[in-house]
PDB file of N, CA and C in Angstrom:
ATOM      1  N   MET A   1     107.421 109.932  32.841  1.00  0.00           N
ATOM      2  CA  MET A   1     107.562 111.159  32.432  1.00  0.00           C
ATOM      3  C   MET A   1     106.645 112.242  32.499  1.00  0.00           C
ATOM      4  N   GLN A   2     106.935 113.480  33.069  1.00  0.00           N
ATOM      5  CA  GLN A   2     105.865 114.212  33.440  1.00  0.00           C
ATOM      6  C   GLN A   2     105.302 115.457  32.065  1.00  0.00           C
ATOM      7  N   GLN A   3     104.407 115.328  32.042  1.00  0.00           N
ATOM      8  CA  GLN A   3     104.137 116.024  30.881  1.00  0.00           C
ATOM      9  C   GLN A   3     103.370 118.007  31.394  1.00  0.00           C
ATOM     10  N   PHE A   4     103.773 118.278  30.357  1.00  0.00           N
ATOM     11  CA  PHE A   4     103.422 119.667  30.989  1.00  0.00           C
ATOM     12  C   PHE A   4     102.295 120.381  29.692  1.00  0.00           C
ATOM     13  N   ARG A   5     101.435 121.607  30.348  1.00  0.00           N
ATOM     14  CA  ARG A   5     100.657 122.492  29.360  1.00  0.00           C
ATOM     15  C   ARG A   5     100.818 123.845  29.541  1.00  0.00           C
ATOM     16  N   ARG A   6     101.429 124.345  28.824  1.00  0.00           N
ATOM     17  CA  ARG A   6     101.260 125.748  28.583  1.00  0.00           C
ATOM     18  C   ARG A   6     100.008 126.674  28.782  1.00  0.00           C
ATOM     19  N   VAL A   7      99.848 127.316  29.698  1.00  0.00           N
ATOM     20  CA  VAL A   7      98.974 128.073  30.144  1.00  0.00           C
ATOM     21  C   VAL A   7      99.500 129.744  29.572  1.00  0.00           C
ATOM     22  N   THR A   8      98.495 130.461  29.919  1.00  0.00           N
ATOM     23  CA  THR A   8      98.573 131.640  30.149  1.00  0.00           C
ATOM     24  C   THR A   8      97.930 132.526  31.353  1.00  0.00           C
ATOM     25  N   ILE A   9      98.584 133.517  32.117  1.00  0.00           N
ATOM     26  CA  ILE A   9      98.083 134.051  33.224  1.00  0.00           C
ATOM     27  C   ILE A   9      98.280 135.380  33.028  1.00  0.00           C
ATOM     28  N   ALA A  10      97.492 135.658  33.964  1.00  0.00           N
ATOM     29  CA  ALA A  10      97.827 137.611  34.221  1.00  0.00           C
ATOM     30  C   ALA A  10      98.268 137.721  35.296  1.00  0.00           C
ATOM     31  N   LEU A  11      99.117 138.198  35.400  1.00  0.00           N
ATOM     32  CA  LEU A  11     100.418 138.610  36.746  1.00  0.00           C
ATOM     33  C   LEU A  11      99.943 140.370  37.335  1.00  0.00           C
ATOM     34  N   PRO A  12      99.799 141.045  37.576  1.00  0.00           N
ATOM     35  CA  PRO A  12     100.183 142.337  38.177  1.00  0.00           C
ATOM     36  C   PRO A  12     101.412 142.787  37.402  1.00  0.00           C
ATOM     37  N   ARG A  13     101.583 143.926  36.854  1.00  0.00           N
ATOM     38  CA  ARG A  13     102.579 144.299  36.431  1.00  0.00           C
ATOM     39  C   ARG A  13     104.174 144.259  37.315  1.00  0.00           C
ATOM     40  N   ASP A  14     104.216 144.935  38.411  1.00  0.00           N
ATOM     41  CA  ASP A  14     105.107 145.115  39.835  1.00  0.00           C
ATOM     42  C   ASP A  14     105.350 143.896  40.129  1.00  0.00           C
ATOM     43  N   LEU A  15     104.549 142.594  40.142  1.00  0.00           N
ATOM     44  CA  LEU A  15     105.061 141.041  40.267  1.00  0.00           C
ATOM     45  C   LEU A  15     105.777 140.537  39.366  1.00  0.00           C
ATOM     46  N   TRP A  16     105.190 141.014  37.991  1.00  0.00           N
ATOM     47  CA  TRP A  16     106.377 140.094  37.163  1.00  0.00           C
ATOM     48  C   TRP A  16     107.753 140.992  36.762  1.00  0.00           C
ATOM     49  N   ASP A  17     107.624 142.424  37.418  1.00  0.00           N
ATOM     50  CA  ASP A  17     109.040 142.772  36.761  1.00  0.00           C
ATOM     51  C   ASP A  17     109.878 142.434  38.458  1.00  0.00           C
ATOM     52  N   SER A  18     109.074 141.856  39.597  1.00  0.00           N
ATOM     53  CA  SER A  18     110.230 141.793  40.671  1.00  0.00           C
ATOM     54  C   SER A  18     110.831 140.055  40.009  1.00  0.00           C
ATOM     55  N   ILE A  19     109.505 138.975  39.436  1.00  0.00           N
ATOM     56  CA  ILE A  19     110.158 137.877  38.972  1.00  0.00           C
ATOM     57  C   ILE A  19     111.221 138.135  38.419  1.00  0.00           C
ATOM     58  N   LYS A  20     110.913 139.192  37.108  1.00  0.00           N
ATOM     59  CA  LYS A  20     112.191 139.179  36.193  1.00  0.00           C
ATOM     60  C   LYS A  20     113.341 139.437  36.783  1.00  0.00           C
ATOM     61  N   ASN A  21     113.154 140.374  37.382  1.00  0.00           N
ATOM     62  CA  ASN A  21     114.227 140.818  38.171  1.00  0.00           C
ATOM     63  C   ASN A  21     115.092 139.691  38.985  1.00  0.00           C
ATOM     64  N   THR A  22     114.642 139.016  39.901  1.00  0.00           N
ATOM     65  CA  THR A  22     114.860 137.808  40.581  1.00  0.00           C
ATOM     66  C   THR A  22     115.523 136.668  39.945  1.00  0.00           C
ATOM     67  N   VAL A  23     114.500 136.408  39.159  1.00  0.00           N
ATOM     68  CA  VAL A  23     114.717 134.740  38.607  1.00  0.00           C
ATOM     69  C   VAL A  23     115.057 134.448  37.442  1.00  0.00           C
ATOM     70  N   PRO A  24     116.222 134.043  37.250  1.00  0.00           N
ATOM     71  CA  PRO A  24     116.495 133.657  35.880  1.00  0.00           C
ATOM     72  C   PRO A  24     115.587 132.825  35.043  1.00  0.00           C
ATOM     73  N   ALA A  25     115.845 133.794  33.702  1.00  0.00           N
ATOM     74  CA  ALA A  25     114.724 133.251  32.841  1.00  0.00           C
ATOM     75  C   ALA A  25     114.382 131.910  32.472  1.00  0.00           C
ATOM     76  N   GLY A  26     115.107 130.717  32.746  1.00  0.00           N
ATOM     77  CA  GLY A  26     114.988 129.104  32.745  1.00  0.00           C
ATOM     78  C   GLY A  26     114.417 128.629  33.932  1.00  0.00           C
ATOM     79  N   LYS A  27     114.034 129.625  35.125  1.00  0.00           N
ATOM     80  CA  LYS A  27     113.443 129.244  36.281  1.00  0.00           C
ATOM     81  C   LYS A  27     112.153 129.622  36.574  1.00  0.00           C
ATOM     82  N   ARG A  28     111.685 130.706  35.902  1.00  0.00           N
ATOM     83  CA  ARG A  28     110.366 131.327  36.336  1.00  0.00           C
ATOM     84  C   ARG A  28     109.268 130.536  36.597  1.00  0.00           C
ATOM     85  N   SER A  29     109.056 129.832  35.002  1.00  0.00           N
ATOM     86  CA  SER A  29     107.970 128.445  35.332  1.00  0.00           C
ATOM     87  C   SER A  29     108.161 127.919  36.804  1.00  0.00           C
ATOM     88  N   GLY A  30     109.512 127.197  36.881  1.00  0.00           N
ATOM     89  CA  GLY A  30     109.278 126.367  37.812  1.00  0.00           C
ATOM     90  C   GLY A  30     109.124 127.078  39.138  1.00  0.00           C
ATOM     91  N   LEU A  31     109.034 128.178  39.455  1.00  0.00           N
ATOM     92  CA  LEU A  31     109.085 129.180  40.618  1.00  0.00           C
ATOM     93  C   LEU A  31     107.238 129.663  40.628  1.00  0.00           C
ATOM     94  N   VAL A  32     106.768 129.699  39.162  1.00  0.00           N
ATOM     95  CA  VAL A  32     105.526 129.845  39.322  1.00  0.00           C
ATOM     96  C   VAL A  32     104.686 128.229  39.654  1.00  0.00           C
ATOM     97  N   ALA A  33     105.102 127.237  39.322  1.00  0.00           N
ATOM     98  CA  ALA A  33     104.686 125.912  39.746  1.00  0.00           C
ATOM     99  C   ALA A  33     104.631 125.473  40.812  1.00  0.00           C
ATOM    100  N   GLN A  34     106.044 125.648  41.367  1.00  0.00           N
ATOM    101  CA  GLN A  34     105.892 125.519  42.831  1.00  0.00           C
ATOM    102  C   GLN A  34     105.114 126.762  44.245  1.00  0.00           C
ATOM    103  N   ALA A  35     105.154 127.672  43.514  1.00  0.00           N
ATOM    104  CA  ALA A  35     104.180 128.741  44.204  1.00  0.00           C
ATOM    105  C   ALA A  35     102.723 127.928  44.147  1.00  0.00           C
ATOM    106  N   LEU A  36     102.132 127.913  43.226  1.00  0.00           N
ATOM    107  CA  LEU A  36     100.562 126.976  43.047  1.00  0.00           C
ATOM    108  C   LEU A  36     100.741 125.839  43.370  1.00  0.00           C
ATOM    109  N   GLU A  37     101.568 125.160  43.711  1.00  0.00           N
ATOM    110  CA  GLU A  37     101.514 123.914  44.587  1.00  0.00           C
ATOM    111  C   GLU A  37     101.431 123.894  45.710  1.00  0.00           C
ATOM    112  N   ASN A  38     102.193 124.899  46.247  1.00  0.00           N
ATOM    113  CA  ASN A  38     102.344 125.519  47.729  1.00  0.00           C
ATOM    114  C   ASN A  38     100.592 126.049  48.286  1.00  0.00           C
ATOM    115  N   GLU A  39     100.372 126.718  47.214  1.00  0.00           N
ATOM    116  CA  GLU A  39      98.924 127.471  47.640  1.00  0.00           C
ATOM    117  C   GLU A  39      98.122 126.259  47.997  1.00  0.00           C
ATOM    118  N   LEU A  40      97.775 125.129  46.755  1.00  0.00           N
ATOM    119  CA  LEU A  40      97.039 124.317  46.410  1.00  0.00           C
ATOM    120  C   LEU A  40      97.211 123.370  48.150  1.00  0.00           C
ATOM    121  N   ARG A  41      98.260 122.926  48.388  1.00  0.00           N
ATOM    122  CA  ARG A  41      98.715 122.510  49.954  1.00  0.00           C
ATOM    123  C   ARG A  41      97.926 122.854  50.813  1.00  0.00           C
ATOM    124  N   ARG A  42      98.384 124.240  50.618  1.00  0.00           N
ATOM    125  CA  ARG A  42      97.589 125.187  52.111  1.00  0.00           C
ATOM    126  C   ARG A  42      96.253 125.100  52.233  1.00  0.00           C
ATOM    127  N   ARG A  43      95.862 125.434  50.933  1.00  0.00           N
ATOM    128  CA  ARG A  43      94.271 125.250  50.713  1.00  0.00           C
ATOM    129  C   ARG A  43      93.608 123.994  51.502  1.00  0.00           C
ATOM    130  N   LYS A  44      94.378 122.971  50.402  1.00  0.00           N
ATOM    131  CA  LYS A  44      94.150 121.850  51.100  1.00  0.00           C
ATOM    132  C   LYS A  44      94.116 121.519  52.850  1.00  0.00           C
ATOM    133  N   ARG A  45      94.857 122.000  53.321  1.00  0.00           N
ATOM    134  CA  ARG A  45      95.049 121.542  54.991  1.00  0.00           C
ATOM    135  C   ARG A  45      93.961 122.647  55.506  1.00  0.00           C
ATOM    136  N   LEU A  46      93.628 123.811  54.881  1.00  0.00           N
ATOM    137  CA  LEU A  46      92.758 124.616  55.398  1.00  0.00           C
ATOM    138  C   LEU A  46      91.460 123.837  55.416  1.00  0.00           C
ATOM    139  N   GLU A  47      90.838 123.554  54.528  1.00  0.00           N
ATOM    140  CA  GLU A  47      89.873 122.766  53.775  1.00  0.00           C
ATOM    141  C   GLU A  47      89.861 120.979  54.960  1.00  0.00           C
ATOM    142  N   GLN A  48      90.709 120.439  55.250  1.00  0.00           N
ATOM    143  CA  GLN A  48      90.905 119.541  56.401  1.00  0.00           C
ATOM    144  C   GLN A  48      90.620 119.753  57.630  1.00  0.00           C
ATOM    145  N   PHE A  49      91.374 121.034  58.117  1.00  0.00           N
ATOM    146  CA  PHE A  49      91.312 121.410  59.440  1.00  0.00           C
ATOM    147  C   PHE A  49      89.886 122.057  59.638  1.00  0.00           C
ATOM    148  N   GLU A  50      89.073 122.622  58.622  1.00  0.00           N
ATOM    149  CA  GLU A  50      87.941 123.283  58.964  1.00  0.00           C
ATOM    150  C   GLU A  50      86.627 121.862  59.140  1.00  0.00           C
ATOM    151  N   ASN A  51      86.964 120.863  58.205  1.00  0.00           N
ATOM    152  CA  ASN A  51      86.240 119.516  58.216  1.00  0.00           C
ATOM    153  C   ASN A  51      86.431 118.900  59.738  1.00  0.00           C
ATOM    154  N   LEU A  52      87.719 118.694  60.043  1.00  0.00           N
ATOM    155  CA  LEU A  52      88.165 118.443  61.428  1.00  0.00           C
ATOM    156  C   LEU A  52      87.206 119.328  62.562  1.00  0.00           C
ATOM    157  N   ARG A  53      87.041 120.630  62.269  1.00  0.00           N
ATOM    158  CA  ARG A  53      86.568 121.285  63.321  1.00  0.00           C
ATOM    159  C   ARG A  53      85.263 121.130  63.446  1.00  0.00           C
ATOM    160  N   GLN A  54      84.726 120.630  62.546  1.00  0.00           N
ATOM    161  CA  GLN A  54      83.382 120.703  62.306  1.00  0.00           C
ATOM    162  C   GLN A  54      82.922 119.207  62.893  1.00  0.00           C
ATOM    163  N   HIS A  55      83.536 118.029  62.966  1.00  0.00           N
ATOM    164  CA  HIS A  55      83.462 116.719  63.365  1.00  0.00           C
ATOM    165  C   HIS A  55      83.626 117.002  64.487  1.00  0.00           C
ATOM    166  N   GLN A  56      84.803 117.863  65.394  1.00  0.00           N
ATOM    167  CA  GLN A  56      85.253 117.953  66.924  1.00  0.00           C
ATOM    168  C   GLN A  56      83.487 118.523  67.634  1.00  0.00           C
ATOM    169  N   LYS A  57      82.925 119.585  66.618  1.00  0.00           N
ATOM    170  CA  LYS A  57      81.921 120.245  67.188  1.00  0.00           C
ATOM    171  C   LYS A  57      80.203 118.881  67.304  1.00  0.00           C
ATOM    172  N   ILE A  58      80.509 118.067  66.027  1.00  0.00           N
ATOM    173  CA  ILE A  58      79.086 117.227  66.128  1.00  0.00           C
ATOM    174  C   ILE A  58      79.609 116.438  67.268  1.00  0.00           C
ATOM    175  N   MET A  59      80.903 116.025  67.170  1.00  0.00           N
ATOM    176  CA  MET A  59      81.014 114.837  68.637  1.00  0.00           C
ATOM    177  C   MET A  59      81.299 115.429  70.169  1.00  0.00           C
ATOM    178  N   PHE A  60      81.522 116.541  70.183  1.00  0.00           N
ATOM    179  CA  PHE A  60      80.846 117.517  71.142  1.00  0.00           C
ATOM    180  C   PHE A  60      79.609 117.648  71.633  1.00  0.00           C
ATOM    181  N   ASP A  61      78.650 118.044  70.552  1.00  0.00           N
ATOM    182  CA  ASP A  61      77.472 117.764  70.813  1.00  0.00           C
ATOM    183  C   ASP A  61      76.852 116.403  70.999  1.00  0.00           C
ATOM    184  N   LYS A  62      77.297 115.514  70.704  1.00  0.00           N
ATOM    185  CA  LYS A  62      76.863 114.409  70.780  1.00  0.00           C
ATOM    186  C   LYS A  62      77.162 113.875  72.297  1.00  0.00           C
ATOM    187  N   TYR A  63      78.782 114.116  72.712  1.00  0.00           N
ATOM    188  CA  TYR A  63      79.076 113.238  73.832  1.00  0.00           C
ATOM    189  C   TYR A  63      79.538 114.222  74.716  1.00  0.00           C
ATOM    190  N   GLY A  64      79.684 115.474  74.523  1.00  0.00           N
ATOM    191  CA  GLY A  64      79.776 116.499  75.396  1.00  0.00           C
ATOM    192  C   GLY A  64      81.801 116.587  75.916  1.00  0.00           C
ATOM    193  N   GLN A  65      82.225 116.946  76.692  1.00  0.00           N
ATOM    194  CA  GLN A  65      83.001 117.317  76.854  1.00  0.00           C
ATOM    195  C   GLN A  65      84.055 116.059  77.514  1.00  0.00           C
ATOM    196  N   LEU A  66      84.857 115.815  76.907  1.00  0.00           N
ATOM    197  CA  LEU A  66      85.605 114.283  77.134  1.00  0.00           C
ATOM    198  C   LEU A  66      86.873 114.286  77.881  1.00  0.00           C
ATOM    199  N   PRO A  67      87.118 113.382  78.919  1.00  0.00           N
ATOM    200  CA  PRO A  67      88.810 113.613  79.509  1.00  0.00           C
ATOM    201  C   PRO A  67      89.580 114.193  78.320  1.00  0.00           C
ATOM    202  N   ALA A  68      90.316 114.765  78.791  1.00  0.00           N
ATOM    203  CA  ALA A  68      91.821 115.113  77.966  1.00  0.00           C
ATOM    204  C   ALA A  68      92.970 114.433  78.281  1.00  0.00           C
ATOM    205  N   SER A  69      93.013 114.041  79.371  1.00  0.00           N
ATOM    206  CA  SER A  69      93.954 113.522  79.956  1.00  0.00           C
ATOM    207  C   SER A  69      94.504 111.999  79.702  1.00  0.00           C
ATOM    208  N   ALA A  70      95.498 111.145  79.656  1.00  0.00           N
ATOM    209  CA  ALA A  70      95.616 109.635  79.288  1.00  0.00           C
ATOM    210  C   ALA A  70      95.462 109.378  80.690  1.00  0.00           C
ATOM    211  N   ALA A  71      95.724 109.979  82.085  1.00  0.00           N
ATOM    212  CA  ALA A  71      95.708 109.173  83.433  1.00  0.00           C
ATOM    213  C   ALA A  71      93.590 108.990  83.434  1.00  0.00           C
ATOM    214  N   ASP A  72      93.251 110.228  83.204  1.00  0.00           N
ATOM    215  CA  ASP A  72      91.367 110.139  83.026  1.00  0.00           C
ATOM    216  C   ASP A  72      91.268 108.927  82.160  1.00  0.00           C
ATOM    217  N   ILE A  73      91.537 108.788  81.033  1.00  0.00           N
ATOM    218  CA  ILE A  73      91.097 108.082  80.183  1.00  0.00           C
ATOM    219  C   ILE A  73      91.255 106.679  80.809  1.00  0.00           C
ATOM    220  N   GLU A  74      92.475 106.237  80.995  1.00  0.00           N
ATOM    221  CA  GLU A  74      92.784 105.065  82.053  1.00  0.00           C
ATOM    222  C   GLU A  74      91.926 104.683  83.334  1.00  0.00           C
ATOM    223  N   GLN A  75      91.762 105.737  84.005  1.00  0.00           N
ATOM    224  CA  GLN A  75      90.778 105.404  85.063  1.00  0.00           C
ATOM    225  C   GLN A  75      89.347 105.056  84.556  1.00  0.00           C
ATOM    226  N   MET A  76      89.133 105.699  83.595  1.00  0.00           N
ATOM    227  CA  MET A  76      87.717 105.319  83.040  1.00  0.00           C
ATOM    228  C   MET A  76      87.733 103.814  82.207  1.00  0.00           C
ATOM    229  N   ARG A  77      88.982 103.635  81.714  1.00  0.00           N
ATOM    230  CA  ARG A  77      89.022 102.194  81.285  1.00  0.00           C
ATOM    231  C   ARG A  77      89.221 101.109  82.100  1.00  0.00           C
ATOM    232  N   GLN A  78      89.483 101.058  83.371  1.00  0.00           N
ATOM    233  CA  GLN A  78      89.401 100.543  84.249  1.00  0.00           C
ATOM    234  C   GLN A  78      88.526 100.266  85.404  1.00  0.00           C
ATOM    235  N   GLU A  79      87.526 101.685  85.542  1.00  0.00           N
ATOM    236  CA  GLU A  79      86.345 101.399  85.797  1.00  0.00           C
ATOM    237  C   GLU A  79      85.190 100.617  85.221  1.00  0.00           C
ATOM    238  N   HIS A  80      85.443 100.809  83.740  1.00  0.00           N
ATOM    239  CA  HIS A  80      84.625  99.899  83.239  1.00  0.00           C
ATOM    240  C   HIS A  80      85.277  98.713  83.107  1.00  0.00           C
ATOM    241  N   ASN A  81      86.275  98.383  82.911  1.00  0.00           N
ATOM    242  CA  ASN A  81      87.066  96.790  83.091  1.00  0.00           C
ATOM    243  C   ASN A  81      86.095  96.212  84.404  1.00  0.00           C
ATOM    244  N   ASP A  82      86.468  96.688  85.500  1.00  0.00           N
ATOM    245  CA  ASP A  82      85.859  96.378  86.798  1.00  0.00           C
ATOM    246  C   ASP A  82      84.121  96.412  86.688  1.00  0.00           C
ATOM    247  N   GLU A  83      83.708  97.104  86.228  1.00  0.00           N
ATOM    248  CA  GLU A  83      82.256  96.749  85.924  1.00  0.00           C
ATOM    249  C   GLU A  83      81.888  95.770  85.159  1.00  0.00           C
ATOM    250  N   GLN A  84      82.713  95.385  83.898  1.00  0.00           N
ATOM    251  CA  GLN A  84      82.475  94.240  82.883  1.00  0.00           C
ATOM    252  C   GLN A  84      83.014  92.884  83.853  1.00  0.00           C
ATOM    253  N   SER A  85      83.519  93.032  84.379  1.00  0.00           N
ATOM    254  CA  SER A  85      84.296  91.590  85.305  1.00  0.00           C
ATOM    255  C   SER A  85      83.338  91.944  86.441  1.00  0.00           C
ATOM    256  N   GLY A  86      82.521  92.344  86.958  1.00  0.00           N
ATOM    257  CA  GLY A  86      81.615  92.364  88.558  1.00  0.00           C
ATOM    258  C   GLY A  86      82.369  93.091  89.134  1.00  0.00           C
ATOM    259  N   VAL A  87      83.489  93.564  89.370  1.00  0.00           N
ATOM    260  CA  VAL A  87      84.037  93.926  90.790  1.00  0.00           C
ATOM    261  C   VAL A  87      83.561  94.952  90.973  1.00  0.00           C
ATOM    262  N   ARG A  88      83.134  95.631  90.475  1.00  0.00           N
ATOM    263  CA  ARG A  88      81.991  97.086  90.957  1.00  0.00           C
ATOM    264  C   ARG A  88      80.843  96.733  90.780  1.00  0.00           C
TER     265      ARG A  88
END
């Protein structure tokens, strides 16, 4: 069973008037809750994206530009395997 907590928030008057005129009385809390959930998900994605960018920078600084194509990676893998098996 989901628990609810009653809170008081302050909204700009024009925003509240638009909500009152658009959303039925029994649905307003749901609208606000959904909007807050969406915003929290958006902020979490931005935080994760920034973490990824930082990690990419660390990896680039450590290893430089790596091949981006699957064919290049496969060729590097084959060369590595050849070196390991003594073919090259």
